[in-house]
PDB file of N, CA and C in Angstrom:
ATOM      1  N   MET A   1     151.810  64.348  83.604  1.00  0.00           N
ATOM      2  CA  MET A   1     151.620  62.974  82.825  1.00  0.00           C
ATOM      3  C   MET A   1     152.122  62.648  81.662  1.00  0.00           C
ATOM      4  N   THR A   2     152.796  61.818  81.235  1.00  0.00           N
ATOM      5  CA  THR A   2     152.274  61.652  79.586  1.00  0.00           C
ATOM      6  C   THR A   2     151.683  60.356  79.188  1.00  0.00           C
ATOM      7  N   PRO A   3     151.269  60.862  77.957  1.00  0.00           N
ATOM      8  CA  PRO A   3     150.120  59.629  77.474  1.00  0.00           C
ATOM      9  C   PRO A   3     150.577  58.182  77.902  1.00  0.00           C
ATOM     10  N   HIS A   4     151.732  57.939  77.974  1.00  0.00           N
ATOM     11  CA  HIS A   4     151.910  56.190  78.069  1.00  0.00           C
ATOM     12  C   HIS A   4     152.392  56.138  79.735  1.00  0.00           C
ATOM     13  N   ASP A   5     152.075  57.079  80.745  1.00  0.00           N
ATOM     14  CA  ASP A   5     152.044  56.785  81.923  1.00  0.00           C
ATOM     15  C   ASP A   5     151.065  55.967  82.302  1.00  0.00           C
ATOM     16  N   ASP A   6     149.857  55.931  81.978  1.00  0.00           N
ATOM     17  CA  ASP A   6     148.667  55.470  82.140  1.00  0.00           C
ATOM     18  C   ASP A   6     148.567  53.706  83.020  1.00  0.00           C
ATOM     19  N   ASP A   7     148.102  52.943  82.040  1.00  0.00           N
ATOM     20  CA  ASP A   7     148.292  51.559  82.240  1.00  0.00           C
ATOM     21  C   ASP A   7     149.569  51.060  81.557  1.00  0.00           C
ATOM     22  N   ASP A   8     149.820  51.751  80.572  1.00  0.00           N
ATOM     23  CA  ASP A   8     150.776  51.064  79.555  1.00  0.00           C
ATOM     24  C   ASP A   8     152.285  51.740  79.727  1.00  0.00           C
ATOM     25  N   PRO A   9     153.014  50.254  80.183  1.00  0.00           N
ATOM     26  CA  PRO A   9     154.435  50.793  80.391  1.00  0.00           C
ATOM     27  C   PRO A   9     155.097  51.067  79.078  1.00  0.00           C
ATOM     28  N   THR A  10     154.687  50.541  78.157  1.00  0.00           N
ATOM     29  CA  THR A  10     155.607  50.757  77.093  1.00  0.00           C
ATOM     30  C   THR A  10     155.760  52.198  76.606  1.00  0.00           C
ATOM     31  N   PRO A  11     156.939  52.588  76.117  1.00  0.00           N
ATOM     32  CA  PRO A  11     157.295  53.962  75.852  1.00  0.00           C
ATOM     33  C   PRO A  11     156.854  54.219  74.174  1.00  0.00           C
ATOM     34  N   PRO A  12     156.510  55.394  73.883  1.00  0.00           N
ATOM     35  CA  PRO A  12     155.745  55.616  73.017  1.00  0.00           C
ATOM     36  C   PRO A  12     156.812  55.209  71.480  1.00  0.00           C
ATOM     37  N   ARG A  13     158.115  55.412  71.896  1.00  0.00           N
ATOM     38  CA  ARG A  13     159.212  54.771  70.693  1.00  0.00           C
ATOM     39  C   ARG A  13     158.495  53.166  70.361  1.00  0.00           C
ATOM     40  N   VAL A  14     158.481  52.539  71.296  1.00  0.00           N
ATOM     41  CA  VAL A  14     158.272  51.047  71.009  1.00  0.00           C
ATOM     42  C   VAL A  14     156.762  51.063  70.276  1.00  0.00           C
ATOM     43  N   GLY A  15     155.974  51.957  70.803  1.00  0.00           N
ATOM     44  CA  GLY A  15     154.632  51.399  70.033  1.00  0.00           C
ATOM     45  C   GLY A  15     154.671  52.103  68.702  1.00  0.00           C
ATOM     46  N   ALA A  16     155.529  53.436  68.403  1.00  0.00           N
ATOM     47  CA  ALA A  16     155.827  53.575  67.029  1.00  0.00           C
ATOM     48  C   ALA A  16     156.514  52.431  66.121  1.00  0.00           C
ATOM     49  N   LEU A  17     157.340  51.822  66.631  1.00  0.00           N
ATOM     50  CA  LEU A  17     157.973  50.885  66.090  1.00  0.00           C
ATOM     51  C   LEU A  17     157.163  49.437  65.743  1.00  0.00           C
ATOM     52  N   ARG A  18     156.341  49.233  66.353  1.00  0.00           N
ATOM     53  CA  ARG A  18     155.373  48.079  66.453  1.00  0.00           C
ATOM     54  C   ARG A  18     154.418  48.265  65.270  1.00  0.00           C
ATOM     55  N   ALA A  19     154.018  49.643  65.350  1.00  0.00           N
ATOM     56  CA  ALA A  19     152.865  50.373  64.328  1.00  0.00           C
ATOM     57  C   ALA A  19     153.682  50.067  63.192  1.00  0.00           C
ATOM     58  N   ARG A  20     154.863  50.553  62.915  1.00  0.00           N
ATOM     59  CA  ARG A  20     155.577  50.543  61.434  1.00  0.00           C
ATOM     60  C   ARG A  20     155.643  49.204  61.083  1.00  0.00           C
ATOM     61  N   ARG A  21     156.155  48.110  62.191  1.00  0.00           N
ATOM     62  CA  ARG A  21     156.432  46.634  61.640  1.00  0.00           C
ATOM     63  C   ARG A  21     154.811  46.213  61.310  1.00  0.00           C
ATOM     64  N   ALA A  22     153.972  46.924  61.734  1.00  0.00           N
ATOM     65  CA  ALA A  22     152.724  45.982  61.346  1.00  0.00           C
ATOM     66  C   ALA A  22     152.366  46.445  60.247  1.00  0.00           C
ATOM     67  N   ARG A  23     152.875  47.805  59.714  1.00  0.00           N
ATOM     68  CA  ARG A  23     152.445  48.429  58.416  1.00  0.00           C
ATOM     69  C   ARG A  23     153.214  47.840  57.281  1.00  0.00           C
ATOM     70  N   ILE A  24     154.162  47.404  57.526  1.00  0.00           N
ATOM     71  CA  ILE A  24     155.134  46.615  56.769  1.00  0.00           C
ATOM     72  C   ILE A  24     155.047  45.433  56.726  1.00  0.00           C
ATOM     73  N   GLU A  25     154.420  44.643  57.480  1.00  0.00           N
ATOM     74  CA  GLU A  25     154.047  43.106  57.581  1.00  0.00           C
ATOM     75  C   GLU A  25     152.331  43.161  56.706  1.00  0.00           C
ATOM     76  N   ALA A  26     151.595  43.879  56.968  1.00  0.00           N
ATOM     77  CA  ALA A  26     150.666  44.650  55.801  1.00  0.00           C
ATOM     78  C   ALA A  26     151.083  44.531  54.464  1.00  0.00           C
ATOM     79  N   GLU A  27     151.819  45.191  53.971  1.00  0.00           N
ATOM     80  CA  GLU A  27     152.469  45.694  52.653  1.00  0.00           C
ATOM     81  C   GLU A  27     153.248  44.079  52.498  1.00  0.00           C
ATOM     82  N   ILE A  28     153.511  43.643  52.842  1.00  0.00           N
ATOM     83  CA  ILE A  28     154.382  42.150  52.500  1.00  0.00           C
ATOM     84  C   ILE A  28     152.860  41.235  52.027  1.00  0.00           C
ATOM     85  N   ALA A  29     152.098  41.154  53.017  1.00  0.00           N
ATOM     86  CA  ALA A  29     150.809  40.257  52.761  1.00  0.00           C
ATOM     87  C   ALA A  29     150.546  40.958  51.434  1.00  0.00           C
ATOM     88  N   GLU A  30     150.205  41.817  51.316  1.00  0.00           N
ATOM     89  CA  GLU A  30     149.921  42.608  50.018  1.00  0.00           C
ATOM     90  C   GLU A  30     150.402  42.400  48.494  1.00  0.00           C
ATOM     91  N   GLU A  31     151.476  42.311  48.644  1.00  0.00           N
ATOM     92  CA  GLU A  31     152.933  42.153  47.788  1.00  0.00           C
ATOM     93  C   GLU A  31     152.586  40.695  47.343  1.00  0.00           C
ATOM     94  N   VAL A  32     152.721  39.681  48.328  1.00  0.00           N
ATOM     95  CA  VAL A  32     152.476  38.281  48.213  1.00  0.00           C
ATOM     96  C   VAL A  32     151.393  37.862  47.544  1.00  0.00           C
ATOM     97  N   ARG A  33     149.954  38.524  47.885  1.00  0.00           N
ATOM     98  CA  ARG A  33     148.850  38.288  47.137  1.00  0.00           C
ATOM     99  C   ARG A  33     148.742  38.588  45.545  1.00  0.00           C
ATOM    100  N   ARG A  34     149.858  39.379  45.302  1.00  0.00           N
ATOM    101  CA  ARG A  34     149.791  40.071  43.475  1.00  0.00           C
ATOM    102  C   ARG A  34     150.051  38.515  43.154  1.00  0.00           C
ATOM    103  N   PRO A  35     149.457  38.583  41.935  1.00  0.00           N
ATOM    104  CA  PRO A  35     149.883  37.437  40.811  1.00  0.00           C
ATOM    105  C   PRO A  35     151.184  37.362  40.621  1.00  0.00           C
ATOM    106  N   ALA A  36     151.711  38.338  40.329  1.00  0.00           N
ATOM    107  CA  ALA A  36     153.371  38.378  40.348  1.00  0.00           C
ATOM    108  C   ALA A  36     153.969  39.044  41.205  1.00  0.00           C
ATOM    109  N   PRO A  37     154.413  38.640  42.583  1.00  0.00           N
ATOM    110  CA  PRO A  37     154.908  39.564  43.512  1.00  0.00           C
ATOM    111  C   PRO A  37     156.494  39.908  42.905  1.00  0.00           C
ATOM    112  N   ASP A  38     156.788  41.220  43.584  1.00  0.00           N
ATOM    113  CA  ASP A  38     158.036  41.812  43.084  1.00  0.00           C
ATOM    114  C   ASP A  38     159.033  41.087  44.208  1.00  0.00           C
ATOM    115  N   ALA A  39     159.896  40.232  43.788  1.00  0.00           N
ATOM    116  CA  ALA A  39     160.847  39.791  44.711  1.00  0.00           C
ATOM    117  C   ALA A  39     161.940  41.148  45.353  1.00  0.00           C
ATOM    118  N   LEU A  40     162.168  41.882  44.207  1.00  0.00           N
ATOM    119  CA  LEU A  40     163.010  42.934  45.176  1.00  0.00           C
ATOM    120  C   LEU A  40     162.102  43.851  46.260  1.00  0.00           C
ATOM    121  N   ARG A  41     161.178  43.954  45.659  1.00  0.00           N
ATOM    122  CA  ARG A  41     160.189  44.603  46.915  1.00  0.00           C
ATOM    123  C   ARG A  41     159.955  43.698  48.072  1.00  0.00           C
ATOM    124  N   LEU A  42     159.714  42.892  47.947  1.00  0.00           N
ATOM    125  CA  LEU A  42     159.731  41.983  49.191  1.00  0.00           C
ATOM    126  C   LEU A  42     160.697  41.835  50.123  1.00  0.00           C
ATOM    127  N   GLN A  43     162.092  41.397  49.497  1.00  0.00           N
ATOM    128  CA  GLN A  43     163.095  41.871  49.965  1.00  0.00           C
ATOM    129  C   GLN A  43     163.490  42.931  50.754  1.00  0.00           C
ATOM    130  N   THR A  44     162.903  44.060  50.172  1.00  0.00           N
ATOM    131  CA  THR A  44     163.238  45.537  50.600  1.00  0.00           C
ATOM    132  C   THR A  44     162.552  45.422  51.918  1.00  0.00           C
ATOM    133  N   LEU A  45     161.109  45.102  51.703  1.00  0.00           N
ATOM    134  CA  LEU A  45     160.064  45.029  52.934  1.00  0.00           C
ATOM    135  C   LEU A  45     160.515  44.066  53.939  1.00  0.00           C
ATOM    136  N   LYS A  46     161.137  43.244  54.049  1.00  0.00           N
ATOM    137  CA  LYS A  46     161.493  41.999  54.570  1.00  0.00           C
ATOM    138  C   LYS A  46     162.634  42.756  55.496  1.00  0.00           C
ATOM    139  N   ARG A  47     163.510  43.402  54.868  1.00  0.00           N
ATOM    140  CA  ARG A  47     164.612  43.918  55.530  1.00  0.00           C
ATOM    141  C   ARG A  47     164.010  45.257  56.885  1.00  0.00           C
ATOM    142  N   ARG A  48     163.356  46.136  55.990  1.00  0.00           N
ATOM    143  CA  ARG A  48     162.828  46.875  56.996  1.00  0.00           C
ATOM    144  C   ARG A  48     162.040  46.358  57.958  1.00  0.00           C
ATOM    145  N   ARG A  49     161.199  45.731  57.820  1.00  0.00           N
ATOM    146  CA  ARG A  49     160.572  44.855  58.799  1.00  0.00           C
ATOM    147  C   ARG A  49     161.767  43.995  59.908  1.00  0.00           C
ATOM    148  N   LEU A  50     162.918  43.823  59.235  1.00  0.00           N
ATOM    149  CA  LEU A  50     164.074  43.182  60.636  1.00  0.00           C
ATOM    150  C   LEU A  50     164.470  44.315  61.174  1.00  0.00           C
ATOM    151  N   LYS A  51     164.469  45.340  60.461  1.00  0.00           N
ATOM    152  CA  LYS A  51     165.383  46.808  61.205  1.00  0.00           C
ATOM    153  C   LYS A  51     164.306  47.181  61.913  1.00  0.00           C
ATOM    154  N   ALA A  52     163.010  46.942  61.860  1.00  0.00           N
ATOM    155  CA  ALA A  52     162.122  47.663  62.989  1.00  0.00           C
ATOM    156  C   ALA A  52     162.321  46.901  64.505  1.00  0.00           C
ATOM    157  N   LYS A  53     162.251  45.683  63.844  1.00  0.00           N
ATOM    158  CA  LYS A  53     162.525  44.422  64.942  1.00  0.00           C
ATOM    159  C   LYS A  53     163.723  44.964  66.038  1.00  0.00           C
ATOM    160  N   ASP A  54     164.655  44.747  65.162  1.00  0.00           N
ATOM    161  CA  ASP A  54     165.929  45.504  65.611  1.00  0.00           C
ATOM    162  C   ASP A  54     166.088  46.543  66.260  1.00  0.00           C
ATOM    163  N   GLU A  55     165.607  47.395  66.167  1.00  0.00           N
ATOM    164  CA  GLU A  55     165.404  48.992  66.511  1.00  0.00           C
ATOM    165  C   GLU A  55     164.514  48.671  67.995  1.00  0.00           C
ATOM    166  N   MET A  56     163.256  47.876  67.879  1.00  0.00           N
ATOM    167  CA  MET A  56     162.341  47.644  68.971  1.00  0.00           C
ATOM    168  C   MET A  56     163.357  46.976  70.053  1.00  0.00           C
ATOM    169  N   ALA A  57     163.798  45.762  69.778  1.00  0.00           N
ATOM    170  CA  ALA A  57     164.592  45.016  70.545  1.00  0.00           C
ATOM    171  C   ALA A  57     165.574  45.761  71.475  1.00  0.00           C
ATOM    172  N   GLY A  58     166.732  46.933  70.648  1.00  0.00           N
ATOM    173  CA  GLY A  58     167.552  47.761  71.080  1.00  0.00           C
ATOM    174  C   GLY A  58     166.781  48.459  72.479  1.00  0.00           C
ATOM    175  N   VAL A  59     165.639  49.193  72.136  1.00  0.00           N
ATOM    176  CA  VAL A  59     165.232  49.855  72.950  1.00  0.00           C
ATOM    177  C   VAL A  59     164.252  49.315  74.258  1.00  0.00           C
ATOM    178  N   LEU A  60     163.978  48.102  73.887  1.00  0.00           N
ATOM    179  CA  LEU A  60     163.668  47.353  75.441  1.00  0.00           C
ATOM    180  C   LEU A  60     164.709  46.750  76.339  1.00  0.00           C
ATOM    181  N   ARG A  61     165.747  46.336  75.178  1.00  0.00           N
ATOM    182  CA  ARG A  61     166.730  46.238  76.157  1.00  0.00           C
ATOM    183  C   ARG A  61     167.479  47.301  76.978  1.00  0.00           C
ATOM    184  N   THR A  62     167.476  48.589  76.543  1.00  0.00           N
ATOM    185  CA  THR A  62     167.963  49.192  77.169  1.00  0.00           C
ATOM    186  C   THR A  62     167.149  49.990  78.418  1.00  0.00           C
ATOM    187  N   LEU A  63     165.915  49.666  78.020  1.00  0.00           N
ATOM    188  CA  LEU A  63     164.818  50.045  79.518  1.00  0.00           C
ATOM    189  C   LEU A  63     164.923  49.079  80.468  1.00  0.00           C
ATOM    190  N   SER A  64     165.420  47.859  79.901  1.00  0.00           N
ATOM    191  CA  SER A  64     165.320  46.532  80.909  1.00  0.00           C
ATOM    192  C   SER A  64     166.708  46.848  81.757  1.00  0.00           C
ATOM    193  N   ARG A  65     167.664  47.797  81.348  1.00  0.00           N
ATOM    194  CA  ARG A  65     168.950  47.747  82.032  1.00  0.00           C
ATOM    195  C   ARG A  65     168.967  49.140  82.368  1.00  0.00           C
ATOM    196  N   PRO A  66     168.776  49.474  83.931  1.00  0.00           N
ATOM    197  CA  PRO A  66     168.228  50.813  84.188  1.00  0.00           C
ATOM    198  C   PRO A  66     169.935  51.750  84.255  1.00  0.00           C
ATOM    199  N   ASP A  67     171.070  50.808  84.131  1.00  0.00           N
ATOM    200  CA  ASP A  67     172.290  51.653  84.291  1.00  0.00           C
ATOM    201  C   ASP A  67     172.570  52.073  82.852  1.00  0.00           C
ATOM    202  N   GLN A  68     172.128  51.763  81.919  1.00  0.00           N
ATOM    203  CA  GLN A  68     172.010  51.931  80.413  1.00  0.00           C
ATOM    204  C   GLN A  68     170.921  53.096  79.951  1.00  0.00           C
ATOM    205  N   ARG A  69     170.005  53.374  80.676  1.00  0.00           N
ATOM    206  CA  ARG A  69     168.906  54.486  80.344  1.00  0.00           C
ATOM    207  C   ARG A  69     169.341  55.600  80.271  1.00  0.00           C
ATOM    208  N   PRO A  70     168.926  56.201  79.005  1.00  0.00           N
ATOM    209  CA  PRO A  70     169.531  57.828  78.768  1.00  0.00           C
ATOM    210  C   PRO A  70     169.151  58.663  79.910  1.00  0.00           C
ATOM    211  N   ALA A  71     169.739  59.950  80.362  1.00  0.00           N
ATOM    212  CA  ALA A  71     169.508  60.392  81.340  1.00  0.00           C
ATOM    213  C   ALA A  71     167.985  61.335  81.066  1.00  0.00           C
ATOM    214  N   ALA A  72     167.246  61.670  81.872  1.00  0.00           N
ATOM    215  CA  ALA A  72     166.148  62.411  81.748  1.00  0.00           C
ATOM    216  C   ALA A  72     166.367  63.524  82.026  1.00  0.00           C
TER     217      ALA A  72
END
């Protein structure tokens, strides 16, 4: 039995992507609170956040289509 088999049907990859996205959100919030936020850094962070979101959506989409699941 793997750690995610208990009550949580979320695969570890999705959990890792959610954690990454939360860290990026915290970095964005921290940057915005600075007296002079770095616009380039904010843009980079927002792109990373979007990439994580897109990856997570792709994983979830694959899991919701049984015919597209990778072979175990």
